[in-house]
Amino acid sequence: MSSSIVTEIVQQVHDLPDPLQQQVLAFVLTLRQQHLEKDPDAWDILESLTGTIEAPADWSTEHDHYLYGTLKRPATES
């Protein structure tokens, strides 16, 4: 950021009453936090969705049945 922009910002904020200066500070801190936060990648998005989808208990073993209508696998004895 150029020093002339910083100087202009400081001058404009300096002329504001205290309550508005507090609002400007809160706004700047919010902008700074948003800038510092990294953009989520695909893994972050998938992790945030974990456990949010309702599915049958045997979904992982019988996904072909639920997706394509194939017969369920025979139950195996343990």
PDB file of N, CA and C in Angstrom:
ATOM      1  N   MET A   1       0.856  -1.158   0.000  1.00  0.00           N
ATOM      2  CA  MET A   1       0.000   0.000   0.000  1.00  0.00           C
ATOM      3  C   MET A   1       0.908   1.229   0.000  1.00  0.00           C
ATOM      4  N   SER A   2       0.543   2.174  -0.793  1.00  0.00           N
ATOM      5  CA  SER A   2       1.383   3.369  -0.865  1.00  0.00           C
ATOM      6  C   SER A   2       1.168   4.242   0.373  1.00  0.00           C
ATOM      7  N   SER A   3       2.209   4.985   0.707  1.00  0.00           N
ATOM      8  CA  SER A   3       2.128   5.824   1.912  1.00  0.00           C
ATOM      9  C   SER A   3       1.101   6.937   1.752  1.00  0.00           C
ATOM     10  N   SER A   4       0.846   7.382   0.518  1.00  0.00           N
ATOM     11  CA  SER A   4      -0.165   8.434   0.334  1.00  0.00           C
ATOM     12  C   SER A   4      -1.562   7.916   0.672  1.00  0.00           C
ATOM     13  N   ILE A   5      -1.823   6.647   0.385  1.00  0.00           N
ATOM     14  CA  ILE A   5      -3.126   6.064   0.732  1.00  0.00           C
ATOM     15  C   ILE A   5      -3.255   5.947   2.243  1.00  0.00           C
ATOM     16  N   VAL A   6      -2.201   5.478   2.883  1.00  0.00           N
ATOM     17  CA  VAL A   6      -2.220   5.353   4.342  1.00  0.00           C
ATOM     18  C   VAL A   6      -2.428   6.713   4.989  1.00  0.00           C
ATOM     19  N   THR A   7      -1.729   7.708   4.490  1.00  0.00           N
ATOM     20  CA  THR A   7      -1.862   9.062   5.030  1.00  0.00           C
ATOM     21  C   THR A   7      -3.289   9.569   4.868  1.00  0.00           C
ATOM     22  N   GLU A   8      -3.886   9.333   3.714  1.00  0.00           N
ATOM     23  CA  GLU A   8      -5.270   9.769   3.463  1.00  0.00           C
ATOM     24  C   GLU A   8      -6.241   9.043   4.392  1.00  0.00           C
ATOM     25  N   ILE A   9      -6.043   7.744   4.562  1.00  0.00           N
ATOM     26  CA  ILE A   9      -6.919   6.976   5.457  1.00  0.00           C
ATOM     27  C   ILE A   9      -6.815   7.501   6.884  1.00  0.00           C
ATOM     28  N   VAL A  10      -5.597   7.699   7.352  1.00  0.00           N
ATOM     29  CA  VAL A  10      -5.388   8.197   8.711  1.00  0.00           C
ATOM     30  C   VAL A  10      -6.042   9.565   8.885  1.00  0.00           C
ATOM     31  N   GLN A  11      -5.887  10.435   7.909  1.00  0.00           N
ATOM     32  CA  GLN A  11      -6.473  11.783   8.005  1.00  0.00           C
ATOM     33  C   GLN A  11      -8.003  11.706   8.042  1.00  0.00           C
ATOM     34  N   GLN A  12      -8.573  10.877   7.189  1.00  0.00           N
ATOM     35  CA  GLN A  12     -10.031  10.756   7.154  1.00  0.00           C
ATOM     36  C   GLN A  12     -10.565  10.180   8.465  1.00  0.00           C
ATOM     37  N   VAL A  13      -9.890   9.179   8.999  1.00  0.00           N
ATOM     38  CA  VAL A  13     -10.331   8.566  10.251  1.00  0.00           C
ATOM     39  C   VAL A  13     -10.125   9.531  11.414  1.00  0.00           C
ATOM     40  N   HIS A  14      -9.047  10.269  11.388  1.00  0.00           N
ATOM     41  CA  HIS A  14      -8.735  11.236  12.461  1.00  0.00           C
ATOM     42  C   HIS A  14      -9.846  12.266  12.623  1.00  0.00           C
ATOM     43  N   ASP A  15     -10.474  12.644  11.529  1.00  0.00           N
ATOM     44  CA  ASP A  15     -11.520  13.671  11.564  1.00  0.00           C
ATOM     45  C   ASP A  15     -12.878  13.136  12.021  1.00  0.00           C
ATOM     46  N   LEU A  16     -12.998  11.841  12.199  1.00  0.00           N
ATOM     47  CA  LEU A  16     -14.269  11.245  12.611  1.00  0.00           C
ATOM     48  C   LEU A  16     -14.403  11.275  14.134  1.00  0.00           C
ATOM     49  N   PRO A  17     -15.646  11.310  14.632  1.00  0.00           N
ATOM     50  CA  PRO A  17     -15.848  11.191  16.081  1.00  0.00           C
ATOM     51  C   PRO A  17     -15.448   9.781  16.565  1.00  0.00           C
ATOM     52  N   ASP A  18     -15.156   9.675  17.841  1.00  0.00           N
ATOM     53  CA  ASP A  18     -14.668   8.408  18.410  1.00  0.00           C
ATOM     54  C   ASP A  18     -15.535   7.188  18.082  1.00  0.00           C
ATOM     55  N   PRO A  19     -16.854   7.273  18.218  1.00  0.00           N
ATOM     56  CA  PRO A  19     -17.659   6.075  17.920  1.00  0.00           C
ATOM     57  C   PRO A  19     -17.477   5.593  16.469  1.00  0.00           C
ATOM     58  N   LEU A  20     -17.365   6.526  15.539  1.00  0.00           N
ATOM     59  CA  LEU A  20     -17.153   6.137  14.146  1.00  0.00           C
ATOM     60  C   LEU A  20     -15.743   5.592  13.932  1.00  0.00           C
ATOM     61  N   GLN A  21     -14.777   6.118  14.656  1.00  0.00           N
ATOM     62  CA  GLN A  21     -13.423   5.569  14.572  1.00  0.00           C
ATOM     63  C   GLN A  21     -13.411   4.114  15.038  1.00  0.00           C
ATOM     64  N   GLN A  22     -14.184   3.813  16.082  1.00  0.00           N
ATOM     65  CA  GLN A  22     -14.289   2.424  16.559  1.00  0.00           C
ATOM     66  C   GLN A  22     -14.900   1.527  15.487  1.00  0.00           C
ATOM     67  N   GLN A  23     -15.905   2.031  14.772  1.00  0.00           N
ATOM     68  CA  GLN A  23     -16.534   1.260  13.697  1.00  0.00           C
ATOM     69  C   GLN A  23     -15.541   1.018  12.562  1.00  0.00           C
ATOM     70  N   VAL A  24     -14.761   2.040  12.226  1.00  0.00           N
ATOM     71  CA  VAL A  24     -13.749   1.892  11.173  1.00  0.00           C
ATOM     72  C   VAL A  24     -12.722   0.849  11.587  1.00  0.00           C
ATOM     73  N   LEU A  25     -12.278   0.903  12.836  1.00  0.00           N
ATOM     74  CA  LEU A  25     -11.309  -0.072  13.323  1.00  0.00           C
ATOM     75  C   LEU A  25     -11.866  -1.484  13.245  1.00  0.00           C
ATOM     76  N   ALA A  26     -13.108  -1.670  13.675  1.00  0.00           N
ATOM     77  CA  ALA A  26     -13.731  -2.998  13.608  1.00  0.00           C
ATOM     78  C   ALA A  26     -13.810  -3.475  12.164  1.00  0.00           C
ATOM     79  N   PHE A  27     -14.159  -2.578  11.258  1.00  0.00           N
ATOM     80  CA  PHE A  27     -14.241  -2.923   9.836  1.00  0.00           C
ATOM     81  C   PHE A  27     -12.885  -3.334   9.288  1.00  0.00           C
ATOM     82  N   VAL A  28     -11.848  -2.576   9.622  1.00  0.00           N
ATOM     83  CA  VAL A  28     -10.495  -2.873   9.133  1.00  0.00           C
ATOM     84  C   VAL A  28     -10.029  -4.218   9.685  1.00  0.00           C
ATOM     85  N   LEU A  29     -10.299  -4.483  10.954  1.00  0.00           N
ATOM     86  CA  LEU A  29      -9.904  -5.767  11.539  1.00  0.00           C
ATOM     87  C   LEU A  29     -10.629  -6.932  10.872  1.00  0.00           C
ATOM     88  N   THR A  30     -11.899  -6.733  10.547  1.00  0.00           N
ATOM     89  CA  THR A  30     -12.659  -7.767   9.838  1.00  0.00           C
ATOM     90  C   THR A  30     -12.073  -8.012   8.457  1.00  0.00           C
ATOM     91  N   LEU A  31     -11.771  -6.948   7.732  1.00  0.00           N
ATOM     92  CA  LEU A  31     -11.154  -7.098   6.406  1.00  0.00           C
ATOM     93  C   LEU A  31      -9.823  -7.822   6.492  1.00  0.00           C
ATOM     94  N   ARG A  32      -9.034  -7.466   7.489  1.00  0.00           N
ATOM     95  CA  ARG A  32      -7.716  -8.087   7.660  1.00  0.00           C
ATOM     96  C   ARG A  32      -7.861  -9.580   7.945  1.00  0.00           C
ATOM     97  N   GLN A  33      -8.806  -9.945   8.814  1.00  0.00           N
ATOM     98  CA  GLN A  33      -9.024 -11.352   9.142  1.00  0.00           C
ATOM     99  C   GLN A  33      -9.460 -12.129   7.914  1.00  0.00           C
ATOM    100  N   GLN A  34     -10.362 -11.571   7.119  1.00  0.00           N
ATOM    101  CA  GLN A  34     -10.819 -12.235   5.906  1.00  0.00           C
ATOM    102  C   GLN A  34      -9.668 -12.422   4.927  1.00  0.00           C
ATOM    103  N   HIS A  35      -8.794 -11.441   4.860  1.00  0.00           N
ATOM    104  CA  HIS A  35      -7.647 -11.519   3.953  1.00  0.00           C
ATOM    105  C   HIS A  35      -6.664 -12.601   4.396  1.00  0.00           C
ATOM    106  N   LEU A  36      -6.504 -12.771   5.709  1.00  0.00           N
ATOM    107  CA  LEU A  36      -5.539 -13.736   6.225  1.00  0.00           C
ATOM    108  C   LEU A  36      -6.048 -15.175   6.172  1.00  0.00           C
ATOM    109  N   GLU A  37      -7.366 -15.346   6.161  1.00  0.00           N
ATOM    110  CA  GLU A  37      -7.921 -16.700   6.117  1.00  0.00           C
ATOM    111  C   GLU A  37      -7.658 -17.302   4.744  1.00  0.00           C
ATOM    112  N   LYS A  38      -7.220 -18.550   4.745  1.00  0.00           N
ATOM    113  CA  LYS A  38      -6.947 -19.205   3.473  1.00  0.00           C
ATOM    114  C   LYS A  38      -8.255 -19.665   2.839  1.00  0.00           C
ATOM    115  N   ASP A  39      -8.251 -19.731   1.542  1.00  0.00           N
ATOM    116  CA  ASP A  39      -9.405 -20.261   0.831  1.00  0.00           C
ATOM    117  C   ASP A  39      -9.455 -21.765   1.057  1.00  0.00           C
ATOM    118  N   PRO A  40     -10.646 -22.299   1.329  1.00  0.00           N
ATOM    119  CA  PRO A  40     -10.728 -23.741   1.555  1.00  0.00           C
ATOM    120  C   PRO A  40     -10.447 -24.515   0.265  1.00  0.00           C
ATOM    121  N   ASP A  41      -9.747 -25.641   0.398  1.00  0.00           N
ATOM    122  CA  ASP A  41      -9.540 -26.496  -0.761  1.00  0.00           C
ATOM    123  C   ASP A  41     -10.607 -27.601  -0.739  1.00  0.00           C
ATOM    124  N   ALA A  42     -10.560 -28.482  -1.709  1.00  0.00           N
ATOM    125  CA  ALA A  42     -11.581 -29.526  -1.834  1.00  0.00           C
ATOM    126  C   ALA A  42     -11.646 -30.402  -0.584  1.00  0.00           C
ATOM    127  N   TRP A  43     -10.492 -30.697   0.020  1.00  0.00           N
ATOM    128  CA  TRP A  43     -10.479 -31.550   1.215  1.00  0.00           C
ATOM    129  C   TRP A  43     -11.164 -30.851   2.387  1.00  0.00           C
ATOM    130  N   ASP A  44     -10.955 -29.545   2.532  1.00  0.00           N
ATOM    131  CA  ASP A  44     -11.616 -28.793   3.602  1.00  0.00           C
ATOM    132  C   ASP A  44     -13.130 -28.830   3.434  1.00  0.00           C
ATOM    133  N   ILE A  45     -13.579 -28.678   2.207  1.00  0.00           N
ATOM    134  CA  ILE A  45     -15.017 -28.691   1.929  1.00  0.00           C
ATOM    135  C   ILE A  45     -15.603 -30.066   2.223  1.00  0.00           C
ATOM    136  N   LEU A  46     -14.917 -31.128   1.769  1.00  0.00           N
ATOM    137  CA  LEU A  46     -15.400 -32.484   2.032  1.00  0.00           C
ATOM    138  C   LEU A  46     -15.431 -32.770   3.532  1.00  0.00           C
ATOM    139  N   GLU A  47     -14.403 -32.333   4.243  1.00  0.00           N
ATOM    140  CA  GLU A  47     -14.367 -32.548   5.689  1.00  0.00           C
ATOM    141  C   GLU A  47     -15.521 -31.836   6.381  1.00  0.00           C
ATOM    142  N   SER A  48     -15.871 -30.651   5.894  1.00  0.00           N
ATOM    143  CA  SER A  48     -16.976 -29.914   6.514  1.00  0.00           C
ATOM    144  C   SER A  48     -18.319 -30.603   6.271  1.00  0.00           C
ATOM    145  N   LEU A  49     -18.409 -31.437   5.238  1.00  0.00           N
ATOM    146  CA  LEU A  49     -19.654 -32.136   4.925  1.00  0.00           C
ATOM    147  C   LEU A  49     -19.753 -33.505   5.592  1.00  0.00           C
ATOM    148  N   THR A  50     -18.672 -33.978   6.198  1.00  0.00           N
ATOM    149  CA  THR A  50     -18.665 -35.291   6.831  1.00  0.00           C
ATOM    150  C   THR A  50     -19.763 -35.387   7.875  1.00  0.00           C
ATOM    151  N   GLY A  51     -20.565 -36.444   7.753  1.00  0.00           N
ATOM    152  CA  GLY A  51     -21.628 -36.687   8.722  1.00  0.00           C
ATOM    153  C   GLY A  51     -22.873 -35.864   8.517  1.00  0.00           C
ATOM    154  N   THR A  52     -22.979 -35.151   7.416  1.00  0.00           N
ATOM    155  CA  THR A  52     -24.149 -34.292   7.212  1.00  0.00           C
ATOM    156  C   THR A  52     -25.192 -34.918   6.297  1.00  0.00           C
ATOM    157  N   ILE A  53     -24.893 -36.071   5.725  1.00  0.00           N
ATOM    158  CA  ILE A  53     -25.822 -36.705   4.790  1.00  0.00           C
ATOM    159  C   ILE A  53     -26.446 -37.926   5.456  1.00  0.00           C
ATOM    160  N   GLU A  54     -27.769 -37.995   5.438  1.00  0.00           N
ATOM    161  CA  GLU A  54     -28.472 -39.145   5.984  1.00  0.00           C
ATOM    162  C   GLU A  54     -28.406 -40.277   4.978  1.00  0.00           C
ATOM    163  N   ALA A  55     -28.043 -41.462   5.438  1.00  0.00           N
ATOM    164  CA  ALA A  55     -27.955 -42.629   4.565  1.00  0.00           C
ATOM    165  C   ALA A  55     -28.201 -43.876   5.402  1.00  0.00           C
ATOM    166  N   PRO A  56     -28.569 -44.975   4.751  1.00  0.00           N
ATOM    167  CA  PRO A  56     -28.761 -46.226   5.493  1.00  0.00           C
ATOM    168  C   PRO A  56     -27.459 -46.670   6.157  1.00  0.00           C
ATOM    169  N   ALA A  57     -27.579 -47.454   7.215  1.00  0.00           N
ATOM    170  CA  ALA A  57     -26.405 -47.909   7.961  1.00  0.00           C
ATOM    171  C   ALA A  57     -25.472 -48.765   7.102  1.00  0.00           C
ATOM    172  N   ASP A  58     -26.024 -49.462   6.119  1.00  0.00           N
ATOM    173  CA  ASP A  58     -25.189 -50.338   5.283  1.00  0.00           C
ATOM    174  C   ASP A  58     -24.777 -49.676   3.963  1.00  0.00           C
ATOM    175  N   TRP A  59     -24.818 -48.368   3.940  1.00  0.00           N
ATOM    176  CA  TRP A  59     -24.488 -47.624   2.719  1.00  0.00           C
ATOM    177  C   TRP A  59     -23.118 -47.995   2.155  1.00  0.00           C
ATOM    178  N   SER A  60     -22.113 -48.081   2.998  1.00  0.00           N
ATOM    179  CA  SER A  60     -20.750 -48.315   2.509  1.00  0.00           C
ATOM    180  C   SER A  60     -20.601 -49.691   1.872  1.00  0.00           C
ATOM    181  N   THR A  61     -21.294 -50.683   2.381  1.00  0.00           N
ATOM    182  CA  THR A  61     -21.170 -52.027   1.795  1.00  0.00           C
ATOM    183  C   THR A  61     -22.191 -52.273   0.692  1.00  0.00           C
ATOM    184  N   GLU A  62     -23.279 -51.559   0.701  1.00  0.00           N
ATOM    185  CA  GLU A  62     -24.354 -51.788  -0.281  1.00  0.00           C
ATOM    186  C   GLU A  62     -24.593 -50.603  -1.210  1.00  0.00           C
ATOM    187  N   HIS A  63     -23.544 -49.794  -1.457  1.00  0.00           N
ATOM    188  CA  HIS A  63     -23.750 -48.602  -2.286  1.00  0.00           C
ATOM    189  C   HIS A  63     -24.216 -48.950  -3.700  1.00  0.00           C
ATOM    190  N   ASP A  64     -23.774 -50.067  -4.255  1.00  0.00           N
ATOM    191  CA  ASP A  64     -24.250 -50.465  -5.595  1.00  0.00           C
ATOM    192  C   ASP A  64     -25.763 -50.704  -5.586  1.00  0.00           C
ATOM    193  N   HIS A  65     -26.260 -51.275  -4.517  1.00  0.00           N
ATOM    194  CA  HIS A  65     -27.702 -51.507  -4.406  1.00  0.00           C
ATOM    195  C   HIS A  65     -28.460 -50.177  -4.392  1.00  0.00           C
ATOM    196  N   TYR A  66     -27.958 -49.223  -3.595  1.00  0.00           N
ATOM    197  CA  TYR A  66     -28.666 -47.954  -3.461  1.00  0.00           C
ATOM    198  C   TYR A  66     -28.480 -47.055  -4.679  1.00  0.00           C
ATOM    199  N   LEU A  67     -27.336 -47.145  -5.347  1.00  0.00           N
ATOM    200  CA  LEU A  67     -27.098 -46.296  -6.514  1.00  0.00           C
ATOM    201  C   LEU A  67     -27.658 -46.887  -7.805  1.00  0.00           C
ATOM    202  N   TYR A  68     -27.468 -48.207  -7.981  1.00  0.00           N
ATOM    203  CA  TYR A  68     -27.783 -48.814  -9.277  1.00  0.00           C
ATOM    204  C   TYR A  68     -28.894 -49.858  -9.218  1.00  0.00           C
ATOM    205  N   GLY A  69     -29.394 -50.174  -8.037  1.00  0.00           N
ATOM    206  CA  GLY A  69     -30.484 -51.124  -7.910  1.00  0.00           C
ATOM    207  C   GLY A  69     -30.056 -52.582  -7.977  1.00  0.00           C
ATOM    208  N   THR A  70     -28.784 -52.870  -7.828  1.00  0.00           N
ATOM    209  CA  THR A  70     -28.340 -54.265  -7.834  1.00  0.00           C
ATOM    210  C   THR A  70     -28.848 -54.956  -6.576  1.00  0.00           C
ATOM    211  N   LEU A  71     -28.829 -56.289  -6.599  1.00  0.00           N
ATOM    212  CA  LEU A  71     -29.258 -57.034  -5.426  1.00  0.00           C
ATOM    213  C   LEU A  71     -28.280 -56.801  -4.284  1.00  0.00           C
ATOM    214  N   LYS A  72     -28.832 -56.832  -3.078  1.00  0.00           N
ATOM    215  CA  LYS A  72     -27.963 -56.696  -1.908  1.00  0.00           C
ATOM    216  C   LYS A  72     -27.108 -57.950  -1.788  1.00  0.00           C
ATOM    217  N   ARG A  73     -25.945 -57.787  -1.223  1.00  0.00           N
ATOM    218  CA  ARG A  73     -25.048 -58.916  -1.013  1.00  0.00           C
ATOM    219  C   ARG A  73     -25.626 -59.826   0.072  1.00  0.00           C
ATOM    220  N   PRO A  74     -25.356 -61.106  -0.044  1.00  0.00           N
ATOM    221  CA  PRO A  74     -25.847 -62.009   1.021  1.00  0.00           C
ATOM    222  C   PRO A  74     -25.146 -61.688   2.344  1.00  0.00           C
ATOM    223  N   ALA A  75     -25.912 -61.806   3.423  1.00  0.00           N
ATOM    224  CA  ALA A  75     -25.339 -61.534   4.743  1.00  0.00           C
ATOM    225  C   ALA A  75     -24.291 -62.598   5.067  1.00  0.00           C
ATOM    226  N   THR A  76     -23.185 -62.156   5.592  1.00  0.00           N
ATOM    227  CA  THR A  76     -22.127 -63.097   5.987  1.00  0.00           C
ATOM    228  C   THR A  76     -22.156 -63.251   7.487  1.00  0.00           C
ATOM    229  N   GLU A  77     -21.881 -64.461   7.942  1.00  0.00           N
ATOM    230  CA  GLU A  77     -21.860 -64.704   9.372  1.00  0.00           C
ATOM    231  C   GLU A  77     -20.476 -64.393   9.908  1.00  0.00           C
ATOM    232  N   SER A  78     -20.419 -63.751  11.032  1.00  0.00           N
ATOM    233  CA  SER A  78     -19.129 -63.383  11.624  1.00  0.00           C
ATOM    234  C   SER A  78     -18.758 -64.325  12.713  1.00  0.00           C
TER     235      SER A  78
END
